Structure formats: structure tokens, C-alpha cells
C-alpha atoms as a PDB file:
ATOM      1  CA  MET A   1     -53.867  23.192  -9.804  1.00  0.00           C
ATOM      2  CA  ARG A   2     -50.829  25.473  -9.925  1.00  0.00           C
ATOM      3  CA  PHE A   3     -50.956  28.932  -8.317  1.00  0.00           C
ATOM      4  CA  ASP A   4     -48.274  31.474  -9.205  1.00  0.00           C
ATOM      5  CA  LEU A   5     -48.505  34.601  -7.059  1.00  0.00           C
ATOM      6  CA  LEU A   6     -46.682  37.689  -8.318  1.00  0.00           C
ATOM      7  CA  THR A   7     -45.993  40.323  -5.629  1.00  0.00           C
ATOM      8  CA  ILE A   8     -43.506  42.936  -4.464  1.00  0.00           C
ATOM      9  CA  PHE A   9     -43.800  41.551  -0.926  1.00  0.00           C
ATOM     10  CA  PRO A  10     -43.111  37.794  -1.150  1.00  0.00           C
ATOM     11  CA  GLU A  11     -42.542  37.616   2.632  1.00  0.00           C
ATOM     12  CA  PHE A  12     -46.214  38.488   3.080  1.00  0.00           C
ATOM     13  CA  PHE A  13     -47.185  34.894   2.389  1.00  0.00           C
ATOM     14  CA  GLY A  14     -44.973  33.263   5.004  1.00  0.00           C
ATOM     15  CA  GLY A  15     -47.284  31.075   7.054  1.00  0.00           C
ATOM     16  CA  PRO A  16     -50.879  31.411   5.761  1.00  0.00           C
ATOM     17  CA  PHE A  17     -50.549  28.504   3.326  1.00  0.00           C
ATOM     18  CA  ASP A  18     -49.009  26.167   5.912  1.00  0.00           C
ATOM     19  CA  PHE A  19     -52.171  25.207   7.784  1.00  0.00           C
ATOM     20  CA  GLY A  20     -55.320  23.140   7.403  1.00  0.00           C
ATOM     21  CA  ILE A  21     -56.745  22.111   4.063  1.00  0.00           C
ATOM     22  CA  ILE A  22     -54.260  24.203   2.051  1.00  0.00           C
ATOM     23  CA  ARG A  23     -51.296  22.536   3.717  1.00  0.00           C
ATOM     24  CA  ARG A  24     -52.758  19.078   3.189  1.00  0.00           C
ATOM     25  CA  ALA A  25     -53.558  19.783  -0.455  1.00  0.00           C
ATOM     26  CA  LYS A  26     -49.942  20.869  -1.010  1.00  0.00           C
ATOM     27  CA  GLN A  27     -48.570  17.783   0.716  1.00  0.00           C
ATOM     28  CA  GLN A  28     -50.774  15.498  -1.368  1.00  0.00           C
ATOM     29  CA  GLY A  29     -49.752  17.193  -4.596  1.00  0.00           C
ATOM     30  CA  GLN A  30     -53.254  18.464  -5.372  1.00  0.00           C
ATOM     31  CA  ILE A  31     -52.042  22.054  -5.574  1.00  0.00           C
ATOM     32  CA  GLU A  32     -48.729  23.821  -6.091  1.00  0.00           C
ATOM     33  CA  ILE A  33     -48.211  27.343  -4.724  1.00  0.00           C
ATOM     34  CA  ASN A  34     -45.275  29.441  -5.948  1.00  0.00           C
ATOM     35  CA  ILE A  35     -44.508  32.949  -4.686  1.00  0.00           C
ATOM     36  CA  HIS A  36     -42.586  35.213  -7.078  1.00  0.00           C
ATOM     37  CA  ASP A  37     -40.944  38.579  -6.343  1.00  0.00           C
ATOM     38  CA  LEU A  38     -41.841  41.024  -9.120  1.00  0.00           C
ATOM     39  CA  ARG A  39     -38.500  42.745  -8.601  1.00  0.00           C
ATOM     40  CA  SER A  40     -36.682  39.649  -9.838  1.00  0.00           C
ATOM     41  CA  PHE A  41     -38.151  40.327 -13.297  1.00  0.00           C
ATOM     42  CA  THR A  42     -36.576  43.796 -13.614  1.00  0.00           C
ATOM     43  CA  ASN A  43     -33.423  44.597 -15.619  1.00  0.00           C
ATOM     44  CA  ASP A  44     -32.139  47.738 -13.871  1.00  0.00           C
ATOM     45  CA  LYS A  45     -29.711  47.622 -10.965  1.00  0.00           C
ATOM     46  CA  HIS A  46     -32.210  49.172  -8.529  1.00  0.00           C
ATOM     47  CA  HIS A  47     -34.999  46.697  -9.423  1.00  0.00           C
ATOM     48  CA  VAL A  48     -37.573  49.449  -9.963  1.00  0.00           C
ATOM     49  CA  VAL A  49     -41.128  48.153 -10.420  1.00  0.00           C
ATOM     50  CA  ASP A  50     -43.146  51.383 -10.214  1.00  0.00           C
ATOM     51  CA  ASP A  51     -43.227  54.952 -11.489  1.00  0.00           C
ATOM     52  CA  ARG A  52     -45.366  58.080 -11.353  1.00  0.00           C
ATOM     53  CA  PRO A  53     -48.497  58.136 -13.568  1.00  0.00           C
ATOM     54  CA  PHE A  54     -48.485  60.125 -16.794  1.00  0.00           C
ATOM     55  CA  GLY A  55     -50.734  63.159 -16.598  1.00  0.00           C
ATOM     56  CA  GLY A  56     -49.862  63.827 -12.990  1.00  0.00           C
ATOM     57  CA  ASP A  57     -51.556  62.378  -9.920  1.00  0.00           C
ATOM     58  CA  ASP A  58     -50.768  61.114  -6.439  1.00  0.00           C
ATOM     59  CA  GLY A  59     -49.188  57.738  -5.867  1.00  0.00           C
ATOM     60  CA  MET A  60     -47.273  55.288  -8.008  1.00  0.00           C
ATOM     61  CA  VAL A  61     -48.215  52.785 -10.713  1.00  0.00           C
ATOM     62  CA  LEU A  62     -46.677  49.347 -11.295  1.00  0.00           C
ATOM     63  CA  LYS A  63     -44.697  49.347 -14.540  1.00  0.00           C
ATOM     64  CA  PRO A  64     -45.652  47.035 -17.421  1.00  0.00           C
ATOM     65  CA  GLU A  65     -42.217  45.606 -18.324  1.00  0.00           C
ATOM     66  CA  PRO A  66     -41.568  43.412 -15.259  1.00  0.00           C
ATOM     67  CA  ILE A  67     -45.156  42.147 -15.216  1.00  0.00           C
ATOM     68  CA  PHE A  68     -45.037  41.120 -18.878  1.00  0.00           C
ATOM     69  CA  ARG A  69     -41.682  39.403 -18.336  1.00  0.00           C
ATOM     70  CA  ALA A  70     -42.986  37.596 -15.268  1.00  0.00           C
ATOM     71  CA  VAL A  71     -46.162  36.287 -16.900  1.00  0.00           C
ATOM     72  CA  GLU A  72     -44.279  35.215 -20.020  1.00  0.00           C
ATOM     73  CA  ALA A  73     -41.812  33.312 -17.833  1.00  0.00           C
ATOM     74  CA  LEU A  74     -44.422  31.749 -15.560  1.00  0.00           C
ATOM     75  CA  ARG A  75     -47.088  30.793 -18.064  1.00  0.00           C
ATOM     76  CA  LYS A  76     -47.037  27.069 -18.817  1.00  0.00           C
ATOM     77  CA  GLU A  77     -47.874  26.416 -22.440  1.00  0.00           C
ATOM     78  CA  ASP A  78     -49.371  23.016 -21.687  1.00  0.00           C
ATOM     79  CA  GLU A  79     -51.652  24.394 -18.970  1.00  0.00           C
ATOM     80  CA  ARG A  80     -55.055  26.077 -19.067  1.00  0.00           C
ATOM     81  CA  THR A  81     -53.971  29.409 -17.607  1.00  0.00           C
ATOM     82  CA  ALA A  82     -55.832  32.446 -16.275  1.00  0.00           C
ATOM     83  CA  VAL A  83     -53.976  35.662 -15.458  1.00  0.00           C
ATOM     84  CA  VAL A  84     -55.879  37.327 -12.622  1.00  0.00           C
ATOM     85  CA  LEU A  85     -55.318  40.886 -11.423  1.00  0.00           C
ATOM     86  CA  LEU A  86     -56.455  41.506  -7.830  1.00  0.00           C
ATOM     87  CA  THR A  87     -57.832  45.049  -7.884  1.00  0.00           C
ATOM     88  CA  PRO A  88     -60.693  47.082  -6.352  1.00  0.00           C
ATOM     89  CA  GLN A  89     -61.805  47.816  -9.932  1.00  0.00           C
ATOM     90  CA  GLY A  90     -62.474  44.138 -10.654  1.00  0.00           C
ATOM     91  CA  ARG A  91     -65.760  42.274 -10.568  1.00  0.00           C
ATOM     92  CA  VAL A  92     -66.656  41.013  -7.119  1.00  0.00           C
ATOM     93  CA  PHE A  93     -65.442  37.493  -6.380  1.00  0.00           C
ATOM     94  CA  ARG A  94     -68.301  35.091  -5.693  1.00  0.00           C
ATOM     95  CA  GLN A  95     -68.699  31.351  -5.256  1.00  0.00           C
ATOM     96  CA  GLN A  96     -69.577  30.951  -8.916  1.00  0.00           C
ATOM     97  CA  GLU A  97     -66.240  32.543  -9.860  1.00  0.00           C
ATOM     98  CA  ALA A  98     -64.403  30.143  -7.552  1.00  0.00           C
ATOM     99  CA  GLN A  99     -66.202  27.231  -9.205  1.00  0.00           C
ATOM    100  CA  ARG A 100     -65.287  28.514 -12.666  1.00  0.00           C
ATOM    101  CA  PHE A 101     -61.602  28.875 -11.831  1.00  0.00           C
ATOM    102  CA  ALA A 102     -61.518  25.448 -10.169  1.00  0.00           C
ATOM    103  CA  GLY A 103     -63.242  23.765 -13.091  1.00  0.00           C
ATOM    104  CA  GLU A 104     -61.776  25.496 -16.150  1.00  0.00           C
ATOM    105  CA  PHE A 105     -58.109  26.165 -15.339  1.00  0.00           C
ATOM    106  CA  SER A 106     -55.035  24.252 -14.222  1.00  0.00           C
ATOM    107  CA  GLN A 107     -52.839  27.317 -13.633  1.00  0.00           C
ATOM    108  CA  LEU A 108     -53.717  30.658 -12.081  1.00  0.00           C
ATOM    109  CA  ILE A 109     -51.229  33.516 -12.212  1.00  0.00           C
ATOM    110  CA  LEU A 110     -52.341  35.993  -9.544  1.00  0.00           C
ATOM    111  CA  LEU A 111     -51.062  39.560  -9.910  1.00  0.00           C
ATOM    112  CA  CYS A 112     -51.117  41.367  -6.572  1.00  0.00           C
ATOM    113  CA  GLY A 113     -51.809  45.006  -7.332  1.00  0.00           C
ATOM    114  CA  ARG A 114     -50.267  47.780  -5.222  1.00  0.00           C
ATOM    115  CA  TYR A 115     -50.247  51.568  -4.914  1.00  0.00           C
ATOM    116  CA  GLU A 116     -52.512  53.178  -7.545  1.00  0.00           C
ATOM    117  CA  GLY A 117     -52.686  49.982  -9.579  1.00  0.00           C
ATOM    118  CA  VAL A 118     -50.917  48.662 -12.655  1.00  0.00           C
ATOM    119  CA  ASP A 119     -50.201  50.132 -16.077  1.00  0.00           C
ATOM    120  CA  GLU A 120     -53.398  49.795 -18.135  1.00  0.00           C
ATOM    121  CA  ARG A 121     -51.527  47.977 -20.910  1.00  0.00           C
ATOM    122  CA  VAL A 122     -51.170  45.048 -18.522  1.00  0.00           C
ATOM    123  CA  VAL A 123     -54.951  44.989 -18.108  1.00  0.00           C
ATOM    124  CA  GLN A 124     -55.674  45.326 -21.818  1.00  0.00           C
ATOM    125  CA  HIS A 125     -53.172  42.860 -23.218  1.00  0.00           C
ATOM    126  CA  LEU A 126     -52.221  40.400 -20.479  1.00  0.00           C
ATOM    127  CA  VAL A 127     -54.877  40.021 -17.815  1.00  0.00           C
ATOM    128  CA  THR A 128     -57.784  37.625 -18.402  1.00  0.00           C
ATOM    129  CA  ASP A 129     -59.721  38.465 -15.224  1.00  0.00           C
ATOM    130  CA  GLU A 130     -59.900  41.460 -12.886  1.00  0.00           C
ATOM    131  CA  ILE A 131     -61.145  40.388  -9.454  1.00  0.00           C
ATOM    132  CA  SER A 132     -62.100  42.270  -6.289  1.00  0.00           C
ATOM    133  CA  ILE A 133     -63.065  40.597  -3.006  1.00  0.00           C
ATOM    134  CA  GLY A 134     -65.403  43.405  -1.993  1.00  0.00           C
ATOM    135  CA  ASP A 135     -66.395  47.028  -2.340  1.00  0.00           C
ATOM    136  CA  TYR A 136     -63.566  48.407  -0.246  1.00  0.00           C
ATOM    137  CA  VAL A 137     -59.888  49.229  -0.796  1.00  0.00           C
ATOM    138  CA  LEU A 138     -56.958  47.291   0.681  1.00  0.00           C
ATOM    139  CA  THR A 139     -53.288  48.260   0.648  1.00  0.00           C
ATOM    140  CA  GLY A 140     -52.523  45.544  -1.882  1.00  0.00           C
ATOM    141  CA  GLY A 141     -53.668  42.392  -3.634  1.00  0.00           C
ATOM    142  CA  GLU A 142     -51.895  39.929  -1.347  1.00  0.00           C
ATOM    143  CA  LEU A 143     -54.835  39.299   0.988  1.00  0.00           C
ATOM    144  CA  PRO A 144     -57.275  38.896  -1.934  1.00  0.00           C
ATOM    145  CA  ALA A 145     -54.834  36.455  -3.565  1.00  0.00           C
ATOM    146  CA  MET A 146     -54.879  34.315  -0.432  1.00  0.00           C
ATOM    147  CA  VAL A 147     -58.680  34.411  -0.427  1.00  0.00           C
ATOM    148  CA  LEU A 148     -58.781  33.131  -4.017  1.00  0.00           C
ATOM    149  CA  VAL A 149     -56.306  30.329  -3.329  1.00  0.00           C
ATOM    150  CA  ASP A 150     -58.332  29.168  -0.328  1.00  0.00           C
ATOM    151  CA  ALA A 151     -61.760  29.408  -1.983  1.00  0.00           C
ATOM    152  CA  ILE A 152     -60.637  27.669  -5.181  1.00  0.00           C
ATOM    153  CA  THR A 153     -58.549  24.939  -3.550  1.00  0.00           C
ATOM    154  CA  ARG A 154     -61.421  23.607  -1.468  1.00  0.00           C
ATOM    155  CA  LEU A 155     -63.467  23.102  -4.658  1.00  0.00           C
ATOM    156  CA  LEU A 156     -60.868  20.912  -6.348  1.00  0.00           C
ATOM    157  CA  PRO A 157     -61.581  17.163  -6.552  1.00  0.00           C
ATOM    158  CA  ASN A 158     -60.713  15.158  -3.428  1.00  0.00           C
ATOM    159  CA  VAL A 159     -59.416  18.157  -1.450  1.00  0.00           C
ATOM    160  CA  LEU A 160     -62.253  18.101   1.088  1.00  0.00           C
ATOM    161  CA  GLY A 161     -62.963  14.966   3.069  1.00  0.00           C
ATOM    162  CA  SER A 162     -66.544  14.694   1.793  1.00  0.00           C
ATOM    163  CA  GLU A 163     -67.670  14.942  -1.833  1.00  0.00           C
ATOM    164  CA  THR A 164     -70.806  16.810  -0.739  1.00  0.00           C
ATOM    165  CA  SER A 165     -69.111  19.370   1.530  1.00  0.00           C
ATOM    166  CA  ALA A 166     -68.545  21.943  -1.209  1.00  0.00           C
ATOM    167  CA  VAL A 167     -71.903  21.193  -2.838  1.00  0.00           C
ATOM    168  CA  ASN A 168     -73.714  22.207   0.355  1.00  0.00           C
ATOM    169  CA  ASP A 169     -71.677  25.365   0.978  1.00  0.00           C
ATOM    170  CA  SER A 170     -73.299  28.743   1.307  1.00  0.00           C
ATOM    171  CA  PHE A 171     -73.860  30.311  -2.149  1.00  0.00           C
ATOM    172  CA  SER A 172     -73.360  27.025  -4.027  1.00  0.00           C
ATOM    173  CA  THR A 173     -77.137  26.592  -4.231  1.00  0.00           C
ATOM    174  CA  GLY A 174     -77.883  30.304  -4.299  1.00  0.00           C
ATOM    175  CA  LEU A 175     -78.771  30.233  -0.593  1.00  0.00           C
ATOM    176  CA  LEU A 176     -76.791  30.636   2.598  1.00  0.00           C
ATOM    177  CA  ASP A 177     -76.015  27.402   4.418  1.00  0.00           C
ATOM    178  CA  PHE A 178     -78.578  25.958   6.820  1.00  0.00           C
ATOM    179  CA  PRO A 179     -77.908  26.119  10.605  1.00  0.00           C
ATOM    180  CA  ASN A 180     -75.792  23.294  12.011  1.00  0.00           C
ATOM    181  CA  TYR A 181     -75.815  21.690  15.456  1.00  0.00           C
ATOM    182  CA  THR A 182     -73.710  19.089  17.262  1.00  0.00           C
ATOM    183  CA  ARG A 183     -73.529  17.418  20.667  1.00  0.00           C
ATOM    184  CA  PRO A 184     -74.786  17.963  23.305  1.00  0.00           C
ATOM    185  CA  ALA A 185     -78.407  17.871  22.191  1.00  0.00           C
ATOM    186  CA  SER A 186     -79.300  20.150  25.108  1.00  0.00           C
ATOM    187  CA  PHE A 187     -77.049  22.899  26.421  1.00  0.00           C
ATOM    188  CA  ASN A 188     -78.012  25.449  29.076  1.00  0.00           C
ATOM    189  CA  GLY A 189     -81.681  24.973  28.237  1.00  0.00           C
ATOM    190  CA  MET A 190     -81.072  25.390  24.502  1.00  0.00           C
ATOM    191  CA  ASP A 191     -82.166  22.316  22.567  1.00  0.00           C
ATOM    192  CA  VAL A 192     -81.345  21.042  19.102  1.00  0.00           C
ATOM    193  CA  PRO A 193     -84.468  20.925  16.862  1.00  0.00           C
ATOM    194  CA  ASP A 194     -86.153  17.550  17.283  1.00  0.00           C
ATOM    195  CA  ILE A 195     -86.249  16.917  13.548  1.00  0.00           C
ATOM    196  CA  LEU A 196     -82.438  16.676  13.432  1.00  0.00           C
ATOM    197  CA  LEU A 197     -82.524  13.871  16.002  1.00  0.00           C
ATOM    198  CA  SER A 198     -85.267  11.931  14.229  1.00  0.00           C
ATOM    199  CA  GLY A 199     -83.080  10.044  11.742  1.00  0.00           C
ATOM    200  CA  HIS A 200     -85.657  10.756   9.019  1.00  0.00           C
ATOM    201  CA  HIS A 201     -83.395  11.962   6.212  1.00  0.00           C
ATOM    202  CA  ALA A 202     -86.127  13.261   3.908  1.00  0.00           C
ATOM    203  CA  ASN A 203     -87.685  15.354   6.666  1.00  0.00           C
ATOM    204  CA  ILE A 204     -84.261  16.598   7.738  1.00  0.00           C
ATOM    205  CA  ALA A 205     -83.445  17.654   4.187  1.00  0.00           C
ATOM    206  CA  LYS A 206     -86.768  19.508   3.952  1.00  0.00           C
ATOM    207  CA  TRP A 207     -86.126  21.255   7.293  1.00  0.00           C
ATOM    208  CA  ARG A 208     -82.626  22.283   6.225  1.00  0.00           C
ATOM    209  CA  ARG A 209     -83.888  23.724   2.956  1.00  0.00           C
ATOM    210  CA  GLN A 210     -86.538  25.754   4.774  1.00  0.00           C
ATOM    211  CA  ALA A 211     -84.027  26.912   7.394  1.00  0.00           C
ATOM    212  CA  ALA A 212     -81.627  27.996   4.625  1.00  0.00           C
ATOM    213  CA  LEU A 213     -84.417  29.987   2.996  1.00  0.00           C
ATOM    214  CA  GLU A 214     -85.256  31.699   6.295  1.00  0.00           C
ATOM    215  CA  LYS A 215     -81.633  32.549   7.043  1.00  0.00           C
ATOM    216  CA  THR A 216     -81.008  33.870   3.542  1.00  0.00           C
ATOM    217  CA  LEU A 217     -84.133  36.011   3.599  1.00  0.00           C
ATOM    218  CA  LYS A 218     -83.011  37.510   6.912  1.00  0.00           C
ATOM    219  CA  MET A 219     -79.308  38.029   6.136  1.00  0.00           C
ATOM    220  CA  ARG A 220     -79.139  38.354   2.328  1.00  0.00           C
ATOM    221  CA  PRO A 221     -82.527  39.239   0.827  1.00  0.00           C
ATOM    222  CA  ASP A 222     -80.702  40.190  -2.384  1.00  0.00           C
ATOM    223  CA  LEU A 223     -79.956  36.493  -2.952  1.00  0.00           C
ATOM    224  CA  ILE A 224     -83.644  35.648  -2.523  1.00  0.00           C
ATOM    225  CA  GLU A 225     -84.573  38.310  -5.068  1.00  0.00           C
ATOM    226  CA  LYS A 226     -82.126  36.767  -7.513  1.00  0.00           C
ATOM    227  CA  LEU A 227     -83.615  33.284  -7.028  1.00  0.00           C
ATOM    228  CA  LEU A 228     -87.100  34.690  -7.594  1.00  0.00           C
ATOM    229  CA  ALA A 229     -85.964  36.383 -10.801  1.00  0.00           C
ATOM    230  CA  GLN A 230     -84.358  33.150 -11.990  1.00  0.00           C
ATOM    231  CA  ASP A 231     -87.484  31.156 -11.123  1.00  0.00           C
ATOM    232  CA  ALA A 232     -85.199  28.879  -9.081  1.00  0.00           C
ATOM    233  CA  LEU A 233     -87.611  28.235  -6.201  1.00  0.00           C
ATOM    234  CA  SER A 234     -90.358  25.671  -6.007  1.00  0.00           C
ATOM    235  CA  GLU A 235     -93.920  26.952  -6.127  1.00  0.00           C
ATOM    236  CA  GLU A 236     -94.295  26.309  -2.386  1.00  0.00           C
ATOM    237  CA  GLU A 237     -91.052  28.142  -1.617  1.00  0.00           C
ATOM    238  CA  ARG A 238     -92.017  31.050  -3.844  1.00  0.00           C
ATOM    239  CA  ARG A 239     -95.373  31.466  -2.086  1.00  0.00           C
ATOM    240  CA  TRP A 240     -93.671  31.351   1.330  1.00  0.00           C
ATOM    241  CA  VAL A 241     -91.062  33.924   0.326  1.00  0.00           C
ATOM    242  CA  GLU A 242     -93.609  36.279  -1.245  1.00  0.00           C
ATOM    243  CA  GLU A 243     -95.764  36.103   1.878  1.00  0.00           C
ATOM    244  CA  LYS A 244     -92.766  36.895   4.090  1.00  0.00           C
ATOM    245  CA  LEU A 245     -91.830  39.826   1.876  1.00  0.00           C
ATOM    246  CA  ARG A 246     -95.393  41.169   2.077  1.00  0.00           C
ATOM    247  CA  GLN A 247     -95.307  40.899   5.885  1.00  0.00           C
ATOM    248  CA  GLN A 248     -92.010  42.779   6.023  1.00  0.00           C
ATOM    249  CA  LYS A 249     -93.456  45.656   3.991  1.00  0.00           C
ATOM    250  CA  HIS A 250     -96.260  46.031   6.487  1.00  0.00           C
END
């Protein structure tokens, strides 16, 4: 997977991609990360990348010319490429989006929005996806770009040490992850559930599924509602959830 990040602050990315799984994936050639200064795609001597919006308003807007030049220069014709604008106006980034990007594309060009955004002609004629990482506003798209690189990289084949690690992630099954424990089995009077020490894999799997349901119902009931609407729960799970929801209403 090749990531091309287009920004007016290339120094912003010094360091974050040099640790952990991202660093290892780069070293092993599983991903390539390139940082590009949008100003290098301008033609004027002052390297201007923004201007005031037509119609009058506060702030500045990123101009279309350098962005079009940059994408045209960076796009690899032999690659499956997505051009992603990081913007508060985009659809919210979720695990399913990360899985789609990891599975369908070999190059992602990430446009880091700034100021009041980008010229709408970029959105209409160049961008394939508008992505937000949440319902709040940041000073620019650099942090969201790093989030996408991290979330997508860990889903690529052979990046994680275990083939099942990503499969069992929160949101991958529609539920939050189940609680995890490690040694010591007893700490300050707090004990690990006996079932996890039993060695009975079927019972452990059943306990984890139930624990994931309980945690999701507590922390993200909206996800439970979605699973109910999709008929994605077993009959036993559905009855348990509906009973819990009835108890909460009373």
C-alpha cells in the first residue's frame, strides 16, 4: 500500500510514522509513506496555495490549481487509487471504511484540508472520498490523515503478528472488543474470571461473546440497535439484549 499525503505543513509528520507497527511495516516494504508539500506544486514565486472565498466570508480557501497538479503528478496509473479529502464535512471514518480502503486500493492520496477548506471543484472533480474522523473541527487534516494511515495499515495482510488480531478488533464484528486479562491471575484481591483459566476454548469463546455484548450495550447502545436492525444476533442474544433494554427503561 502506498500513502501519499499532501499538506502545507510537511514537518507535521516528523516522528509519528517512525514507531511500532507503522515503522515495521515500512521497513518490511508492506507500506510506503510519502509526504508532499502542496507549495511545491505552485507556479508563482511566492508559492501561494490559498485565497479568499468568492462571495465574501472569513478565512481562506485552498486553491484548486496546486491540488490538481499534485494529484495528477502523484497518481500512479497502474495502481488502484483513492483520493481522500480529510474534512469535517466528510462521512465519519469507521472500521468498515478502513477495511474497504485496505482491501480495494493500493494507493491512497490523502489531502489534508486547512483553513475554511478546499475549492469545491476539487471535491467535485478530483476527490473520491470525503472523510471525517468525528463530529468536531480540527485545525487541519494532518491528524486525521495519520489516523487513516494507522487504521488501514494494521488491516493489511501480514502487518500484524496474528492473522486473527484484526478480525477480533472492536467494531470488526459490530461489537466492542471483549475484556482482556493477563498475569497475575490475582492482583490486590481482584481475580481474573475463572472461565479464562479453564482452558476450555468453546466456553471461553462463549464468555467473550457475552462480555462483548454487555460492554457494547453499556458503552455503545447505538451499535446494539444496529445489530438488532440487521438481525445479526442469535435468537438467544436477541432475547438477552431485549430484556436488558426493557430493564433499562424501567
